[in-house]
């Protein structure tokens, strides 16, 4: 299982537009093979900052997702809206364990 954490910060005046864009991307991504979950959240402490948490069955599925034709334009759109500090870091995880 692959878990990735992503972050991007945009100017406050573009936050609502980016929120809608990322929400649509998340909904579309959740339909892709191997995607277990994809969540987008607004940071409560940093205006205009978004967090993305993705869970994939394997690295191959995540790499396939990143190579899809709509991903590059989505990243470009974020940058055109003043996106800064865009990062995505993936971690290989073991089996999921229910903690609560």
C-alpha atoms as a PDB file:
ATOM      1  CA  UNK A   1       0.000   0.000   0.000  1.00  0.00           C
ATOM      2  CA  UNK A   2       1.209   3.510  -0.830  1.00  0.00           C
ATOM      3  CA  UNK A   3       0.188   6.566   1.175  1.00  0.00           C
ATOM      4  CA  UNK A   4       1.093   9.988  -0.157  1.00  0.00           C
ATOM      5  CA  UNK A   5       0.896  13.381   1.453  1.00  0.00           C
ATOM      6  CA  UNK A   6       0.698  16.461  -0.709  1.00  0.00           C
ATOM      7  CA  UNK A   7       0.594  20.169   0.036  1.00  0.00           C
ATOM      8  CA  UNK A   8       0.055  23.322  -1.955  1.00  0.00           C
ATOM      9  CA  UNK A   9      -0.488  26.938  -0.949  1.00  0.00           C
ATOM     10  CA  UNK A  10      -2.348  29.458  -3.104  1.00  0.00           C
ATOM     11  CA  UNK A  11      -3.201  33.129  -2.578  1.00  0.00           C
ATOM     12  CA  UNK A  12      -6.354  33.514  -0.486  1.00  0.00           C
ATOM     13  CA  UNK A  13      -8.247  35.106  -3.380  1.00  0.00           C
ATOM     14  CA  UNK A  14      -7.890  31.847  -5.363  1.00  0.00           C
ATOM     15  CA  UNK A  15      -8.584  29.432  -2.508  1.00  0.00           C
ATOM     16  CA  UNK A  16     -12.255  28.838  -3.370  1.00  0.00           C
ATOM     17  CA  UNK A  17     -11.457  28.181  -7.035  1.00  0.00           C
ATOM     18  CA  UNK A  18      -8.634  25.803  -6.083  1.00  0.00           C
ATOM     19  CA  UNK A  19     -10.904  24.082  -3.568  1.00  0.00           C
ATOM     20  CA  UNK A  20     -13.435  23.310  -6.320  1.00  0.00           C
ATOM     21  CA  UNK A  21     -10.716  22.194  -8.715  1.00  0.00           C
ATOM     22  CA  UNK A  22      -9.084  19.856  -6.172  1.00  0.00           C
ATOM     23  CA  UNK A  23     -12.451  18.509  -5.080  1.00  0.00           C
ATOM     24  CA  UNK A  24     -13.232  17.530  -8.676  1.00  0.00           C
ATOM     25  CA  UNK A  25      -9.787  15.991  -9.112  1.00  0.00           C
ATOM     26  CA  UNK A  26     -10.237  13.971  -5.920  1.00  0.00           C
ATOM     27  CA  UNK A  27     -13.653  12.666  -7.003  1.00  0.00           C
ATOM     28  CA  UNK A  28     -12.286  11.639 -10.403  1.00  0.00           C
ATOM     29  CA  UNK A  29      -9.172  10.044  -8.888  1.00  0.00           C
ATOM     30  CA  UNK A  30     -11.208   7.927  -6.454  1.00  0.00           C
ATOM     31  CA  UNK A  31     -12.692   6.131  -9.494  1.00  0.00           C
ATOM     32  CA  UNK A  32      -9.265   5.056 -10.797  1.00  0.00           C
ATOM     33  CA  UNK A  33      -8.040   1.461 -10.465  1.00  0.00           C
ATOM     34  CA  UNK A  34      -5.946   0.999  -7.343  1.00  0.00           C
ATOM     35  CA  UNK A  35      -7.088   4.207  -5.640  1.00  0.00           C
ATOM     36  CA  UNK A  36      -8.274   3.299  -2.157  1.00  0.00           C
ATOM     37  CA  UNK A  37      -8.875   6.881  -1.030  1.00  0.00           C
ATOM     38  CA  UNK A  38      -8.070  10.471  -2.013  1.00  0.00           C
ATOM     39  CA  UNK A  39      -8.886  13.351   0.302  1.00  0.00           C
ATOM     40  CA  UNK A  40      -8.368  17.104   0.040  1.00  0.00           C
ATOM     41  CA  UNK A  41      -8.506  19.355   3.110  1.00  0.00           C
ATOM     42  CA  UNK A  42      -8.074  23.041   3.747  1.00  0.00           C
ATOM     43  CA  UNK A  43      -5.517  23.914   6.385  1.00  0.00           C
ATOM     44  CA  UNK A  44      -7.165  25.542   9.405  1.00  0.00           C
ATOM     45  CA  UNK A  45      -4.025  27.453  10.350  1.00  0.00           C
ATOM     46  CA  UNK A  46      -2.577  28.610   7.018  1.00  0.00           C
ATOM     47  CA  UNK A  47      -5.002  30.440   4.693  1.00  0.00           C
ATOM     48  CA  UNK A  48      -4.833  29.125   1.135  1.00  0.00           C
ATOM     49  CA  UNK A  49      -2.996  25.920   2.078  1.00  0.00           C
ATOM     50  CA  UNK A  50      -4.417  22.551   1.054  1.00  0.00           C
ATOM     51  CA  UNK A  51      -3.440  19.052   2.108  1.00  0.00           C
ATOM     52  CA  UNK A  52      -3.939  15.985  -0.073  1.00  0.00           C
ATOM     53  CA  UNK A  53      -3.871  12.465   1.340  1.00  0.00           C
ATOM     54  CA  UNK A  54      -3.888   9.589  -1.131  1.00  0.00           C
ATOM     55  CA  UNK A  55      -3.969   5.860  -0.486  1.00  0.00           C
ATOM     56  CA  UNK A  56      -3.092   3.513  -3.346  1.00  0.00           C
ATOM     57  CA  UNK A  57      -3.013  -0.279  -3.597  1.00  0.00           C
ATOM     58  CA  UNK A  58       0.512  -0.044  -5.019  1.00  0.00           C
ATOM     59  CA  UNK A  59       3.145   2.256  -6.448  1.00  0.00           C
ATOM     60  CA  UNK A  60       2.360   1.225 -10.035  1.00  0.00           C
ATOM     61  CA  UNK A  61      -1.235   2.471  -9.726  1.00  0.00           C
ATOM     62  CA  UNK A  62      -0.095   5.783  -8.279  1.00  0.00           C
ATOM     63  CA  UNK A  63       2.487   6.228 -11.043  1.00  0.00           C
ATOM     64  CA  UNK A  64      -0.201   5.435 -13.633  1.00  0.00           C
ATOM     65  CA  UNK A  65      -2.380   8.129 -12.058  1.00  0.00           C
ATOM     66  CA  UNK A  66       0.420  10.693 -12.177  1.00  0.00           C
ATOM     67  CA  UNK A  67       0.992   9.960 -15.886  1.00  0.00           C
ATOM     68  CA  UNK A  68      -2.655  10.533 -16.889  1.00  0.00           C
ATOM     69  CA  UNK A  69      -3.145  13.384 -19.370  1.00  0.00           C
ATOM     70  CA  UNK A  70      -5.200  15.582 -17.030  1.00  0.00           C
ATOM     71  CA  UNK A  71      -2.660  15.641 -14.180  1.00  0.00           C
ATOM     72  CA  UNK A  72      -0.079  17.900 -15.881  1.00  0.00           C
ATOM     73  CA  UNK A  73      -2.692  20.533 -16.781  1.00  0.00           C
ATOM     74  CA  UNK A  74      -4.094  20.393 -13.224  1.00  0.00           C
ATOM     75  CA  UNK A  75      -0.645  21.103 -11.792  1.00  0.00           C
ATOM     76  CA  UNK A  76      -0.158  23.886 -14.338  1.00  0.00           C
ATOM     77  CA  UNK A  77      -3.531  25.398 -13.368  1.00  0.00           C
ATOM     78  CA  UNK A  78      -2.485  25.384  -9.712  1.00  0.00           C
ATOM     79  CA  UNK A  79       0.731  27.190 -10.582  1.00  0.00           C
ATOM     80  CA  UNK A  80      -1.151  29.700 -12.737  1.00  0.00           C
ATOM     81  CA  UNK A  81      -3.332  30.489  -9.713  1.00  0.00           C
ATOM     82  CA  UNK A  82      -0.245  31.338  -7.690  1.00  0.00           C
ATOM     83  CA  UNK A  83       0.397  27.874  -6.268  1.00  0.00           C
ATOM     84  CA  UNK A  84       3.522  27.638  -4.145  1.00  0.00           C
ATOM     85  CA  UNK A  85       5.277  24.951  -2.152  1.00  0.00           C
ATOM     86  CA  UNK A  86       3.635  22.123  -4.111  1.00  0.00           C
ATOM     87  CA  UNK A  87       4.956  18.830  -2.846  1.00  0.00           C
ATOM     88  CA  UNK A  88       3.855  15.206  -2.873  1.00  0.00           C
ATOM     89  CA  UNK A  89       5.703  12.592  -0.839  1.00  0.00           C
ATOM     90  CA  UNK A  90       4.821   8.906  -1.039  1.00  0.00           C
ATOM     91  CA  UNK A  91       5.382   6.306   1.657  1.00  0.00           C
ATOM     92  CA  UNK A  92       5.202   2.552   1.399  1.00  0.00           C
ATOM     93  CA  UNK A  93       3.016   1.163   4.165  1.00  0.00           C
ATOM     94  CA  UNK A  94       2.177  -2.286   5.464  1.00  0.00           C
ATOM     95  CA  UNK A  95      -1.251  -3.670   6.109  1.00  0.00           C
ATOM     96  CA  UNK A  96      -3.859  -1.305   7.523  1.00  0.00           C
ATOM     97  CA  UNK A  97      -4.630  -1.727  11.224  1.00  0.00           C
ATOM     98  CA  UNK A  98      -7.776  -0.393  12.845  1.00  0.00           C
ATOM     99  CA  UNK A  99      -6.697   1.615  15.881  1.00  0.00           C
ATOM    100  CA  UNK A 100     -10.135   2.765  17.153  1.00  0.00           C
END
